[in-house]
C-alpha atoms as a PDB file:
ATOM      1  CA  MET A   1      24.613 -11.763 -11.001  1.00  0.00           C
ATOM      2  CA  ASN A   2      21.154 -11.767  -9.444  1.00  0.00           C
ATOM      3  CA  PRO A   3      19.480  -9.119 -10.860  1.00  0.00           C
ATOM      4  CA  PHE A   4      18.277  -8.263  -7.577  1.00  0.00           C
ATOM      5  CA  VAL A   5      20.811  -8.109  -5.052  1.00  0.00           C
ATOM      6  CA  GLU A   6      23.922  -6.084  -6.361  1.00  0.00           C
ATOM      7  CA  ARG A   7      27.089  -4.452  -4.817  1.00  0.00           C
ATOM      8  CA  SER A   8      27.954  -1.679  -4.016  1.00  0.00           C
ATOM      9  CA  ASP A   9      30.479  -1.067  -6.232  1.00  0.00           C
ATOM     10  CA  LEU A  10      28.627  -1.508  -9.080  1.00  0.00           C
ATOM     11  CA  VAL A  11      25.543   0.104  -7.934  1.00  0.00           C
ATOM     12  CA  LYS A  12      27.677   3.588  -7.892  1.00  0.00           C
ATOM     13  CA  ALA A  13      28.797   2.416 -11.481  1.00  0.00           C
ATOM     14  CA  ALA A  14      25.951   2.247 -12.823  1.00  0.00           C
ATOM     15  CA  LYS A  15      24.627   5.583 -11.204  1.00  0.00           C
ATOM     16  CA  ALA A  16      27.874   7.451 -12.335  1.00  0.00           C
ATOM     17  CA  GLU A  17      26.708   5.720 -15.816  1.00  0.00           C
ATOM     18  CA  GLU A  18      23.812   7.980 -16.136  1.00  0.00           C
ATOM     19  CA  HIS A  19      25.786  11.091 -16.556  1.00  0.00           C
ATOM     20  CA  VAL A  20      27.904   9.738 -19.469  1.00  0.00           C
ATOM     21  CA  ASP A  21      26.301  10.027 -23.028  1.00  0.00           C
ATOM     22  CA  LEU A  22      24.357   7.788 -24.731  1.00  0.00           C
ATOM     23  CA  ASN A  23      25.432   8.660 -27.946  1.00  0.00           C
ATOM     24  CA  SER A  24      27.761  11.068 -29.588  1.00  0.00           C
ATOM     25  CA  THR A  25      25.449  11.756 -32.659  1.00  0.00           C
ATOM     26  CA  ASN A  26      22.912  14.172 -33.107  1.00  0.00           C
ATOM     27  CA  VAL A  27      20.343  12.391 -33.425  1.00  0.00           C
ATOM     28  CA  THR A  28      16.968  12.250 -30.238  1.00  0.00           C
ATOM     29  CA  HIS A  29      14.957   9.108 -29.560  1.00  0.00           C
ATOM     30  CA  THR A  30      11.315  10.560 -28.374  1.00  0.00           C
ATOM     31  CA  ILE A  31       9.480   7.537 -26.079  1.00  0.00           C
ATOM     32  CA  LEU A  32       6.232   8.043 -26.803  1.00  0.00           C
ATOM     33  CA  TRP A  33       3.938   7.269 -23.533  1.00  0.00           C
ATOM     34  CA  TRP A  34       0.557   6.009 -25.325  1.00  0.00           C
ATOM     35  CA  ASN A  35      -0.839   6.019 -21.651  1.00  0.00           C
ATOM     36  CA  GLN A  36       0.459   7.495 -19.369  1.00  0.00           C
ATOM     37  CA  PRO A  37       0.206   6.088 -15.366  1.00  0.00           C
ATOM     38  CA  ILE A  38      -0.952   8.922 -13.489  1.00  0.00           C
ATOM     39  CA  TRP A  39       1.903   8.441 -10.853  1.00  0.00           C
ATOM     40  CA  VAL A  40       4.564   8.555 -13.591  1.00  0.00           C
ATOM     41  CA  VAL A  41       3.496  12.696 -13.922  1.00  0.00           C
ATOM     42  CA  PRO A  42       5.852  13.825 -11.973  1.00  0.00           C
ATOM     43  CA  PHE A  43       8.398  11.959 -13.098  1.00  0.00           C
ATOM     44  CA  GLU A  44      11.829  13.022 -15.081  1.00  0.00           C
ATOM     45  CA  THR A  45      10.860  13.229 -18.986  1.00  0.00           C
ATOM     46  CA  LYS A  46      14.659  12.760 -20.768  1.00  0.00           C
ATOM     47  CA  CYS A  47      17.653  10.429 -20.426  1.00  0.00           C
ATOM     48  CA  SER A  48      20.658  11.689 -22.875  1.00  0.00           C
ATOM     49  CA  ASN A  49      19.341  11.533 -26.409  1.00  0.00           C
ATOM     50  CA  CYS A  50      15.868  10.541 -25.734  1.00  0.00           C
ATOM     51  CA  ILE A  51      12.996  12.659 -24.751  1.00  0.00           C
ATOM     52  CA  THR A  52       9.265  10.980 -23.164  1.00  0.00           C
ATOM     53  CA  SER A  53       6.234  12.417 -24.342  1.00  0.00           C
ATOM     54  CA  THR A  54       2.385  11.990 -24.004  1.00  0.00           C
ATOM     55  CA  ASN A  55       1.874  13.448 -26.956  1.00  0.00           C
ATOM     56  CA  ARG A  56       0.368  11.803 -29.780  1.00  0.00           C
ATOM     57  CA  SER A  57       0.440  13.602 -32.563  1.00  0.00           C
ATOM     58  CA  VAL A  58       4.358  12.195 -32.806  1.00  0.00           C
ATOM     59  CA  PHE A  59       3.372   9.007 -32.839  1.00  0.00           C
ATOM     60  CA  ASP A  60       4.849   8.388 -36.119  1.00  0.00           C
ATOM     61  CA  LYS A  61       8.556  10.242 -35.177  1.00  0.00           C
ATOM     62  CA  SER A  62       8.708   8.097 -32.244  1.00  0.00           C
ATOM     63  CA  SER A  63      11.760   5.729 -31.588  1.00  0.00           C
ATOM     64  CA  ALA A  64       9.044   3.312 -29.212  1.00  0.00           C
ATOM     65  CA  VAL A  65       5.827   3.616 -27.585  1.00  0.00           C
ATOM     66  CA  VAL A  66       4.944   2.615 -24.506  1.00  0.00           C
ATOM     67  CA  PHE A  67       1.285   1.201 -23.713  1.00  0.00           C
ATOM     68  CA  SER A  68       0.244   0.892 -19.955  1.00  0.00           C
ATOM     69  CA  LEU A  69      -1.016  -2.424 -20.000  1.00  0.00           C
ATOM     70  CA  ALA A  70      -3.063  -1.280 -16.161  1.00  0.00           C
ATOM     71  CA  ASP A  71      -4.361   2.102 -16.865  1.00  0.00           C
ATOM     72  CA  GLY A  72      -7.256   2.479 -19.083  1.00  0.00           C
ATOM     73  CA  ASN A  73      -6.791   4.173 -22.859  1.00  0.00           C
ATOM     74  CA  ILE A  74      -5.505   1.477 -24.391  1.00  0.00           C
ATOM     75  CA  GLY A  75      -7.787   0.782 -26.554  1.00  0.00           C
ATOM     76  CA  THR A  76      -9.577  -2.720 -27.413  1.00  0.00           C
ATOM     77  CA  LYS A  77      -7.395  -2.464 -30.644  1.00  0.00           C
ATOM     78  CA  PRO A  78      -3.622  -1.242 -31.439  1.00  0.00           C
ATOM     79  CA  PRO A  79      -3.411   2.915 -33.170  1.00  0.00           C
ATOM     80  CA  ILE A  80      -2.429   1.005 -36.175  1.00  0.00           C
ATOM     81  CA  GLU A  81      -2.006  -1.943 -38.394  1.00  0.00           C
ATOM     82  CA  ASN A  82       1.122  -3.892 -38.415  1.00  0.00           C
ATOM     83  CA  ILE A  83       1.487  -4.176 -41.228  1.00  0.00           C
ATOM     84  CA  ILE A  84       1.570  -0.356 -42.268  1.00  0.00           C
ATOM     85  CA  ARG A  85       3.083   0.444 -39.017  1.00  0.00           C
ATOM     86  CA  ASN A  86       7.193   1.594 -39.165  1.00  0.00           C
ATOM     87  CA  GLN A  87       8.744  -1.376 -38.365  1.00  0.00           C
ATOM     88  CA  ASN A  88      11.752   0.417 -36.670  1.00  0.00           C
ATOM     89  CA  GLN A  89       9.239   1.564 -34.134  1.00  0.00           C
ATOM     90  CA  ILE A  90       9.729  -0.550 -30.563  1.00  0.00           C
ATOM     91  CA  TRP A  91       6.257  -0.937 -28.902  1.00  0.00           C
ATOM     92  CA  ILE A  92       6.755  -1.821 -25.394  1.00  0.00           C
ATOM     93  CA  ALA A  93       4.249  -3.469 -23.128  1.00  0.00           C
ATOM     94  CA  PHE A  94       4.414  -1.797 -19.404  1.00  0.00           C
ATOM     95  CA  SER A  95       2.942  -3.173 -16.229  1.00  0.00           C
ATOM     96  CA  LEU A  96       3.570  -3.591 -11.877  1.00  0.00           C
ATOM     97  CA  GLU A  97       0.560  -4.816 -11.559  1.00  0.00           C
ATOM     98  CA  THR A  98      -0.220  -8.626 -12.599  1.00  0.00           C
ATOM     99  CA  ASN A  99      -3.004 -10.039 -13.844  1.00  0.00           C
ATOM    100  CA  VAL A 100      -4.703 -10.604 -11.426  1.00  0.00           C
ATOM    101  CA  GLN A 101      -4.526  -6.723 -10.234  1.00  0.00           C
ATOM    102  CA  ASN A 102      -5.327  -5.926 -14.458  1.00  0.00           C
ATOM    103  CA  ALA A 103      -8.451  -8.728 -14.819  1.00  0.00           C
ATOM    104  CA  TRP A 104     -10.915  -5.316 -14.806  1.00  0.00           C
ATOM    105  CA  ILE A 105      -9.077  -4.203 -18.129  1.00  0.00           C
ATOM    106  CA  ARG A 106      -9.583  -7.015 -21.087  1.00  0.00           C
ATOM    107  CA  ASP A 107      -8.355  -4.696 -23.384  1.00  0.00           C
ATOM    108  CA  TYR A 108      -4.851  -5.801 -24.184  1.00  0.00           C
ATOM    109  CA  LYS A 109      -5.833  -9.680 -23.392  1.00  0.00           C
ATOM    110  CA  ASN A 110      -7.891  -9.649 -26.725  1.00  0.00           C
ATOM    111  CA  LYS A 111      -6.836 -11.288 -29.904  1.00  0.00           C
ATOM    112  CA  HIS A 112      -5.741  -7.686 -31.082  1.00  0.00           C
ATOM    113  CA  TRP A 113      -2.970  -6.644 -29.244  1.00  0.00           C
ATOM    114  CA  LYS A 114      -1.077 -10.038 -30.402  1.00  0.00           C
ATOM    115  CA  TYR A 115       2.000 -10.238 -31.953  1.00  0.00           C
ATOM    116  CA  VAL A 116       2.727  -6.676 -31.901  1.00  0.00           C
ATOM    117  CA  PHE A 117       4.957  -5.596 -28.820  1.00  0.00           C
ATOM    118  CA  ASN A 118       8.714  -5.718 -28.487  1.00  0.00           C
ATOM    119  CA  TRP A 119       9.714  -5.638 -25.413  1.00  0.00           C
ATOM    120  CA  THR A 120       8.027  -5.504 -21.911  1.00  0.00           C
ATOM    121  CA  TRP A 121       9.030  -3.282 -19.528  1.00  0.00           C
ATOM    122  CA  ASN A 122       7.975  -5.301 -15.864  1.00  0.00           C
ATOM    123  CA  TYR A 123       8.745  -6.051 -12.755  1.00  0.00           C
ATOM    124  CA  ARG A 124       9.531  -9.889 -13.971  1.00  0.00           C
ATOM    125  CA  PRO A 125      13.997 -10.242 -14.344  1.00  0.00           C
ATOM    126  CA  SER A 126      13.614 -11.995 -17.856  1.00  0.00           C
ATOM    127  CA  ALA A 127      11.777  -8.774 -19.092  1.00  0.00           C
ATOM    128  CA  ASP A 128      13.762  -6.686 -21.720  1.00  0.00           C
ATOM    129  CA  ILE A 129      13.066  -3.793 -19.215  1.00  0.00           C
ATOM    130  CA  PHE A 130      13.893  -5.017 -15.835  1.00  0.00           C
ATOM    131  CA  MET A 131      11.660  -2.259 -12.905  1.00  0.00           C
ATOM    132  CA  PRO A 132      11.524  -4.097  -9.575  1.00  0.00           C
ATOM    133  CA  TYR A 133       9.644  -2.239  -6.659  1.00  0.00           C
ATOM    134  CA  GLY A 134      13.058  -1.743  -5.363  1.00  0.00           C
ATOM    135  CA  ARG A 135      16.881  -3.578  -5.068  1.00  0.00           C
ATOM    136  CA  VAL A 136      18.674  -4.933  -2.537  1.00  0.00           C
ATOM    137  CA  SER A 137      22.939  -4.026  -2.432  1.00  0.00           C
ATOM    138  CA  GLU A 138      25.264  -5.256  -0.095  1.00  0.00           C
ATOM    139  CA  ARG A 139      27.336  -2.677   2.499  1.00  0.00           C
ATOM    140  CA  LEU A 140      30.732  -1.686   2.393  1.00  0.00           C
ATOM    141  CA  LYS A 141      30.914  -2.255   5.632  1.00  0.00           C
ATOM    142  CA  PRO A 142      28.271  -4.213   7.917  1.00  0.00           C
ATOM    143  CA  LEU A 143      26.413  -2.460  10.675  1.00  0.00           C
ATOM    144  CA  SER A 144      27.534  -2.843  13.990  1.00  0.00           C
ATOM    145  CA  LYS A 145      24.422  -2.713  16.984  1.00  0.00           C
ATOM    146  CA  ASN A 146      23.235  -3.452  20.149  1.00  0.00           C
ATOM    147  CA  TYR A 147      21.795  -6.792  18.957  1.00  0.00           C
ATOM    148  CA  SER A 148      20.313  -7.757  22.470  1.00  0.00           C
ATOM    149  CA  MET A 149      19.239  -4.043  23.454  1.00  0.00           C
ATOM    150  CA  ILE A 150      16.789  -4.254  20.214  1.00  0.00           C
ATOM    151  CA  PHE A 151      15.334  -7.746  20.999  1.00  0.00           C
ATOM    152  CA  GLN A 152      14.882  -7.004  25.122  1.00  0.00           C
ATOM    153  CA  ARG A 153      12.839  -3.471  23.999  1.00  0.00           C
ATOM    154  CA  LYS A 154      10.025  -5.387  22.018  1.00  0.00           C
ATOM    155  CA  ASN A 155       7.534  -5.931  23.582  1.00  0.00           C
ATOM    156  CA  LYS A 156       5.407  -6.340  20.904  1.00  0.00           C
ATOM    157  CA  PHE A 157       4.882  -9.685  18.679  1.00  0.00           C
ATOM    158  CA  ALA A 158       3.626  -9.443  14.919  1.00  0.00           C
ATOM    159  CA  ALA A 159       2.705  -6.266  12.701  1.00  0.00           C
ATOM    160  CA  TRP A 160       0.454  -6.524   9.303  1.00  0.00           C
ATOM    161  CA  ALA A 161      -0.094  -2.457   6.654  1.00  0.00           C
ATOM    162  CA  VAL A 162      -2.752  -3.787   5.090  1.00  0.00           C
ATOM    163  CA  SER A 163      -5.482  -1.287   3.120  1.00  0.00           C
ATOM    164  CA  HIS A 164      -6.368  -4.281   0.055  1.00  0.00           C
ATOM    165  CA  CYS A 165      -9.163  -5.861   2.108  1.00  0.00           C
ATOM    166  CA  ASN A 166      -9.879  -9.976   0.383  1.00  0.00           C
ATOM    167  CA  THR A 167      -7.459 -10.589  -1.992  1.00  0.00           C
ATOM    168  CA  HIS A 168      -6.544 -13.001  -4.620  1.00  0.00           C
ATOM    169  CA  SER A 169      -4.011 -14.954  -2.507  1.00  0.00           C
ATOM    170  CA  LEU A 170      -5.942 -15.471   0.488  1.00  0.00           C
ATOM    171  CA  ARG A 171      -3.771 -13.256   2.399  1.00  0.00           C
ATOM    172  CA  ASP A 172      -6.572 -12.212   5.649  1.00  0.00           C
ATOM    173  CA  LYS A 173      -7.727 -15.893   5.804  1.00  0.00           C
ATOM    174  CA  PHE A 174      -3.939 -16.511   6.723  1.00  0.00           C
ATOM    175  CA  VAL A 175      -3.750 -14.445   9.058  1.00  0.00           C
ATOM    176  CA  LYS A 176      -6.875 -15.478  10.910  1.00  0.00           C
ATOM    177  CA  ASN A 177      -5.241 -19.177  10.966  1.00  0.00           C
ATOM    178  CA  MET A 178      -2.540 -17.384  12.775  1.00  0.00           C
ATOM    179  CA  ASN A 179      -4.569 -15.641  15.362  1.00  0.00           C
ATOM    180  CA  ARG A 180      -5.569 -18.874  15.782  1.00  0.00           C
ATOM    181  CA  ARG A 181      -2.659 -20.610  16.196  1.00  0.00           C
ATOM    182  CA  LEU A 182      -1.715 -18.092  18.652  1.00  0.00           C
ATOM    183  CA  GLN A 183      -1.616 -17.919  22.731  1.00  0.00           C
ATOM    184  CA  ASN A 184      -0.231 -15.576  24.308  1.00  0.00           C
ATOM    185  CA  HIS A 185       0.939 -13.073  21.174  1.00  0.00           C
ATOM    186  CA  SER A 186      -0.846 -11.987  18.299  1.00  0.00           C
ATOM    187  CA  ILE A 187      -0.827  -9.857  15.448  1.00  0.00           C
ATOM    188  CA  ASP A 188      -1.752  -6.208  15.138  1.00  0.00           C
ATOM    189  CA  ILE A 189      -3.772  -5.143  11.735  1.00  0.00           C
ATOM    190  CA  PHE A 190      -3.361  -1.670  11.029  1.00  0.00           C
ATOM    191  CA  GLY A 191      -4.557   0.379   8.170  1.00  0.00           C
ATOM    192  CA  LYS A 192      -8.369  -0.445   6.166  1.00  0.00           C
ATOM    193  CA  CYS A 193      -8.077  -3.886   6.711  1.00  0.00           C
ATOM    194  CA  GLY A 194      -7.481  -3.765  10.513  1.00  0.00           C
ATOM    195  CA  PRO A 195      -9.103  -1.331  13.370  1.00  0.00           C
ATOM    196  CA  LEU A 196      -5.677  -0.008  14.404  1.00  0.00           C
ATOM    197  CA  LYS A 197      -4.584   3.354  12.524  1.00  0.00           C
ATOM    198  CA  ILE A 198      -1.248   4.620  12.211  1.00  0.00           C
ATOM    199  CA  SER A 199       0.282   7.179   9.518  1.00  0.00           C
ATOM    200  CA  LYS A 200       2.248   6.055   6.937  1.00  0.00           C
ATOM    201  CA  GLY A 201       5.401   8.010   8.459  1.00  0.00           C
ATOM    202  CA  LYS A 202       5.903   7.004  11.836  1.00  0.00           C
ATOM    203  CA  LEU A 203       5.105   3.304  11.068  1.00  0.00           C
ATOM    204  CA  PRO A 204       9.118   2.265  10.586  1.00  0.00           C
ATOM    205  CA  THR A 205       9.721   4.131  13.725  1.00  0.00           C
ATOM    206  CA  LEU A 206       7.179   2.160  15.538  1.00  0.00           C
ATOM    207  CA  LEU A 207       8.354  -1.635  13.951  1.00  0.00           C
ATOM    208  CA  SER A 208      11.684  -0.428  14.660  1.00  0.00           C
ATOM    209  CA  ASN A 209      10.830  -0.731  18.234  1.00  0.00           C
ATOM    210  CA  ASP A 210       8.617  -2.350  18.910  1.00  0.00           C
ATOM    211  CA  TYR A 211       7.955  -5.308  16.875  1.00  0.00           C
ATOM    212  CA  LYS A 212       9.067  -7.887  16.184  1.00  0.00           C
ATOM    213  CA  PHE A 213       7.605  -9.029  12.812  1.00  0.00           C
ATOM    214  CA  TYR A 214       6.803  -7.244   9.941  1.00  0.00           C
ATOM    215  CA  LEU A 215       4.122  -9.836   7.481  1.00  0.00           C
ATOM    216  CA  ALA A 216       4.849  -8.778   4.272  1.00  0.00           C
ATOM    217  CA  PHE A 217       2.238 -10.788   2.610  1.00  0.00           C
ATOM    218  CA  GLU A 218       1.889 -10.054  -1.454  1.00  0.00           C
ATOM    219  CA  ASN A 219      -1.735  -9.581  -2.537  1.00  0.00           C
ATOM    220  CA  ALA A 220      -1.210 -12.690  -5.390  1.00  0.00           C
ATOM    221  CA  PHE A 221       0.704 -15.034  -6.185  1.00  0.00           C
ATOM    222  CA  CYS A 222       2.006 -14.608  -9.448  1.00  0.00           C
ATOM    223  CA  ASP A 223       5.463 -15.566 -10.632  1.00  0.00           C
ATOM    224  CA  ASP A 224       8.311 -12.915  -9.420  1.00  0.00           C
ATOM    225  CA  TYR A 225       5.687 -10.365  -8.427  1.00  0.00           C
ATOM    226  CA  VAL A 226       7.607  -8.684  -5.229  1.00  0.00           C
ATOM    227  CA  THR A 227       6.159  -5.100  -4.149  1.00  0.00           C
ATOM    228  CA  GLU A 228       7.331  -3.085  -2.086  1.00  0.00           C
ATOM    229  CA  LYS A 229       6.461  -4.481   1.555  1.00  0.00           C
ATOM    230  CA  ILE A 230       9.413  -5.978   2.089  1.00  0.00           C
ATOM    231  CA  PHE A 231      12.242  -3.574   0.526  1.00  0.00           C
ATOM    232  CA  ALA A 232       9.983  -0.779   2.785  1.00  0.00           C
ATOM    233  CA  HIS A 233      11.384  -2.187   5.723  1.00  0.00           C
ATOM    234  CA  PHE A 234      14.677  -4.268   5.112  1.00  0.00           C
ATOM    235  CA  ASN A 235      16.440  -1.206   6.458  1.00  0.00           C
ATOM    236  CA  THR A 236      14.345  -1.605   9.767  1.00  0.00           C
ATOM    237  CA  ASP A 237      15.089  -3.256  13.513  1.00  0.00           C
ATOM    238  CA  ILE A 238      12.303  -6.155  12.515  1.00  0.00           C
ATOM    239  CA  ILE A 239      12.331  -8.985  11.145  1.00  0.00           C
ATOM    240  CA  ASN A 240      10.165  -9.776   7.576  1.00  0.00           C
ATOM    241  CA  VAL A 241       7.572 -12.439   6.591  1.00  0.00           C
ATOM    242  CA  VAL A 242       7.304 -12.862   2.919  1.00  0.00           C
ATOM    243  CA  ARG A 243       4.156 -14.666   1.877  1.00  0.00           C
ATOM    244  CA  GLY A 244       3.912 -14.295  -2.402  1.00  0.00           C
ATOM    245  CA  LYS A 245       5.536 -16.761  -5.653  1.00  0.00           C
ATOM    246  CA  ALA A 246       8.227 -15.530  -5.939  1.00  0.00           C
ATOM    247  CA  ASN A 247      11.972 -17.026  -4.758  1.00  0.00           C
ATOM    248  CA  TYR A 248      12.127 -14.940  -2.171  1.00  0.00           C
ATOM    249  CA  THR A 249      16.050 -16.376  -1.837  1.00  0.00           C
ATOM    250  CA  ASN A 250      17.122 -14.975  -5.411  1.00  0.00           C
ATOM    251  CA  ILE A 251      16.154 -11.100  -4.275  1.00  0.00           C
ATOM    252  CA  PHE A 252      17.079 -10.856  -0.039  1.00  0.00           C
ATOM    253  CA  PRO A 253      19.930 -12.251   1.949  1.00  0.00           C
ATOM    254  CA  LYS A 254      19.325 -15.842   2.531  1.00  0.00           C
ATOM    255  CA  GLY A 255      18.870 -15.612   6.738  1.00  0.00           C
ATOM    256  CA  SER A 256      17.367 -11.969   6.222  1.00  0.00           C
ATOM    257  CA  PHE A 257      13.594 -13.122   6.598  1.00  0.00           C
ATOM    258  CA  ILE A 258      10.949 -15.665   7.254  1.00  0.00           C
ATOM    259  CA  ASN A 259       9.018 -17.182   4.415  1.00  0.00           C
ATOM    260  CA  THR A 260       5.601 -18.875   5.346  1.00  0.00           C
ATOM    261  CA  ARG A 261       6.363 -21.151   2.042  1.00  0.00           C
ATOM    262  CA  ASP A 262       9.271 -23.393   3.966  1.00  0.00           C
ATOM    263  CA  PHE A 263       7.036 -25.069   6.391  1.00  0.00           C
ATOM    264  CA  LYS A 264       4.795 -27.348   6.182  1.00  0.00           C
ATOM    265  CA  ASN A 265       1.711 -26.171   7.297  1.00  0.00           C
ATOM    266  CA  THR A 266       0.143 -23.131   9.126  1.00  0.00           C
ATOM    267  CA  SER A 267       0.856 -24.612  13.335  1.00  0.00           C
ATOM    268  CA  ASP A 268       4.441 -25.321  12.108  1.00  0.00           C
ATOM    269  CA  PHE A 269       5.477 -21.458  11.319  1.00  0.00           C
ATOM    270  CA  VAL A 270       3.219 -20.577  14.001  1.00  0.00           C
ATOM    271  CA  SER A 271       5.449 -22.251  16.163  1.00  0.00           C
ATOM    272  CA  TYR A 272       8.624 -21.528  14.333  1.00  0.00           C
ATOM    273  CA  LEU A 273       7.752 -18.097  15.061  1.00  0.00           C
ATOM    274  CA  VAL A 274       7.209 -17.676  18.281  1.00  0.00           C
ATOM    275  CA  ASP A 275      10.640 -19.891  19.156  1.00  0.00           C
ATOM    276  CA  VAL A 276      12.400 -17.083  16.903  1.00  0.00           C
ATOM    277  CA  SER A 277      10.208 -14.230  19.466  1.00  0.00           C
ATOM    278  CA  GLU A 278      11.186 -16.350  22.537  1.00  0.00           C
ATOM    279  CA  ASN A 279      15.305 -16.867  21.280  1.00  0.00           C
ATOM    280  CA  GLU A 280      17.612 -14.027  21.475  1.00  0.00           C
ATOM    281  CA  THR A 281      19.936 -15.601  19.534  1.00  0.00           C
ATOM    282  CA  LEU A 282      17.837 -16.813  16.731  1.00  0.00           C
ATOM    283  CA  TYR A 283      16.207 -13.174  16.584  1.00  0.00           C
ATOM    284  CA  SER A 284      19.522 -11.519  16.603  1.00  0.00           C
ATOM    285  CA  ASN A 285      20.695 -14.073  13.422  1.00  0.00           C
ATOM    286  CA  TYR A 286      18.594 -12.922  11.387  1.00  0.00           C
ATOM    287  CA  LEU A 287      19.167  -8.442  12.162  1.00  0.00           C
ATOM    288  CA  LYS A 288      22.836  -9.469  11.667  1.00  0.00           C
ATOM    289  CA  GLN A 289      22.257 -11.247   7.929  1.00  0.00           C
ATOM    290  CA  LYS A 290      20.144  -7.820   7.557  1.00  0.00           C
ATOM    291  CA  ASP A 291      22.410  -5.567   7.898  1.00  0.00           C
ATOM    292  CA  LYS A 292      24.831  -6.727   5.821  1.00  0.00           C
ATOM    293  CA  PHE A 293      22.946  -5.172   3.466  1.00  0.00           C
ATOM    294  CA  GLN A 294      20.342  -2.055   2.997  1.00  0.00           C
ATOM    295  CA  ALA A 295      17.387  -1.942   0.626  1.00  0.00           C
ATOM    296  CA  SER A 296      16.224   0.997  -1.687  1.00  0.00           C
ATOM    297  CA  PHE A 297      12.867   1.676  -2.728  1.00  0.00           C
ATOM    298  CA  ASP A 298      12.482   4.746  -4.746  1.00  0.00           C
ATOM    299  CA  ILE A 299      10.058   3.739  -7.706  1.00  0.00           C
ATOM    300  CA  LYS A 300      11.008   7.836  -8.895  1.00  0.00           C
ATOM    301  CA  GLU A 301      15.176   6.355  -9.390  1.00  0.00           C
ATOM    302  CA  GLN A 302      13.954   2.835 -10.635  1.00  0.00           C
ATOM    303  CA  TYR A 303      11.777   4.660 -13.407  1.00  0.00           C
ATOM    304  CA  LYS A 304      14.224   6.880 -14.236  1.00  0.00           C
ATOM    305  CA  GLN A 305      16.536   3.671 -14.586  1.00  0.00           C
ATOM    306  CA  SER A 306      13.861   1.766 -16.560  1.00  0.00           C
ATOM    307  CA  ILE A 307      14.050   4.832 -19.131  1.00  0.00           C
ATOM    308  CA  CYS A 308      17.401   5.501 -19.241  1.00  0.00           C
ATOM    309  CA  ASN A 309      17.564   1.465 -20.168  1.00  0.00           C
ATOM    310  CA  ILE A 310      14.861   2.066 -22.579  1.00  0.00           C
ATOM    311  CA  CYS A 311      17.890   4.973 -24.195  1.00  0.00           C
ATOM    312  CA  ARG A 312      20.673   2.162 -24.185  1.00  0.00           C
ATOM    313  CA  LYS A 313      18.546   0.021 -26.579  1.00  0.00           C
ATOM    314  CA  LEU A 314      17.753   2.216 -28.872  1.00  0.00           C
ATOM    315  CA  ASN A 315      21.181   3.649 -29.325  1.00  0.00           C
ATOM    316  CA  ASP A 316      23.036   0.329 -29.635  1.00  0.00           C
ATOM    317  CA  PRO A 317      23.602  -0.747 -33.658  1.00  0.00           C
ATOM    318  CA  ASN A 318      22.934  -4.109 -32.346  1.00  0.00           C
ATOM    319  CA  LEU A 319      19.272  -3.154 -31.774  1.00  0.00           C
ATOM    320  CA  LYS A 320      17.205  -6.631 -31.051  1.00  0.00           C
ATOM    321  CA  ARG A 321      13.716  -6.003 -32.117  1.00  0.00           C
ATOM    322  CA  ASN A 322      11.757  -9.682 -30.762  1.00  0.00           C
ATOM    323  CA  THR A 323       8.089  -9.742 -31.617  1.00  0.00           C
ATOM    324  CA  ILE A 324       5.682 -11.064 -28.162  1.00  0.00           C
ATOM    325  CA  PHE A 325       3.562 -13.105 -28.594  1.00  0.00           C
ATOM    326  CA  ASP A 326       0.734 -12.546 -25.948  1.00  0.00           C
ATOM    327  CA  ALA A 327       1.629  -9.278 -23.182  1.00  0.00           C
ATOM    328  CA  GLU A 328      -0.338 -11.389 -20.396  1.00  0.00           C
ATOM    329  CA  GLU A 329       1.610 -14.685 -21.014  1.00  0.00           C
ATOM    330  CA  GLU A 330       5.096 -12.485 -19.930  1.00  0.00           C
ATOM    331  CA  LEU A 331       3.481 -10.923 -16.884  1.00  0.00           C
ATOM    332  CA  GLY A 332       3.954 -14.633 -15.653  1.00  0.00           C
ATOM    333  CA  GLN A 333       1.257 -16.849 -13.943  1.00  0.00           C
ATOM    334  CA  CYS A 334      -0.859 -16.491 -10.857  1.00  0.00           C
ATOM    335  CA  ILE A 335      -1.976 -19.493  -8.548  1.00  0.00           C
ATOM    336  CA  LYS A 336      -4.399 -20.064  -5.811  1.00  0.00           C
ATOM    337  CA  PRO A 337      -2.411 -20.278  -2.595  1.00  0.00           C
ATOM    338  CA  ASN A 338      -3.141 -23.925  -1.423  1.00  0.00           C
ATOM    339  CA  ASP A 339      -2.002 -23.046   2.574  1.00  0.00           C
ATOM    340  CA  VAL A 340      -5.460 -21.961   3.557  1.00  0.00           C
END
């Protein structure tokens, strides 16, 4: 089954499983954060018979040690030489950022960190611990709305909320090219990279009421990299437009979004957006398909599930202890876009 798109009954079963003891023994597994990201601090510290810690003094007694690749203090070398380390201990390479975003950190990319990790924990479905920015599940009953009224009330073309300017994906340049080709329409830009300001809490309502499209453009073209942008606005009455390297049809229902890569050039893409914006049937079909599903993007919940997944693996009597050659390679390849 698609790792992103899950049926509602399976989601419920997975959540119920979180409350089941993973191991009936008295063993307690410690998962040590070697350099914990700041945003993790307020999250839960345990799952079943596993606890998380940031106290490096328990290093030798820990069942797993997590190294955050995107944060400082990882060290230019591992804390202990591979030849004398506890071979039953699992070392995990964690990152929710791409190698592009991690460019300023060189430590984990040097030769000393090769062949030391056993598991990966990131946004890629191939990771040992898969932690996406969000998930999509099929609704037990599709939403029923007055789609004609939704179409008629929208009086603005497209919106883009962005505060990270001049990115690797050249999305700023792509949007400028779009605006040059739009005659009777325009793209409203909110945030530090645009002239318009709005609070984060008010944005979903504004998009749902006034705008026909939302530009969910990634800051880098990297394998499987899909951040919260499209998940955050999936449940609103708006069509998401995506731009990135990921295979979006493996993540979101076909016909529920528009992908810039499906067009030969920017002119064809912009022309199609205009056609959809002016055709009630075309526009409504996207919303109807989207309303058969629902998205969640609670990073706290995703983190909790990941810790529990680590715990399950640690309790597995057939635990697999891999050897990762290069943590940088495991995050996938990033490319420069060729559409600008």
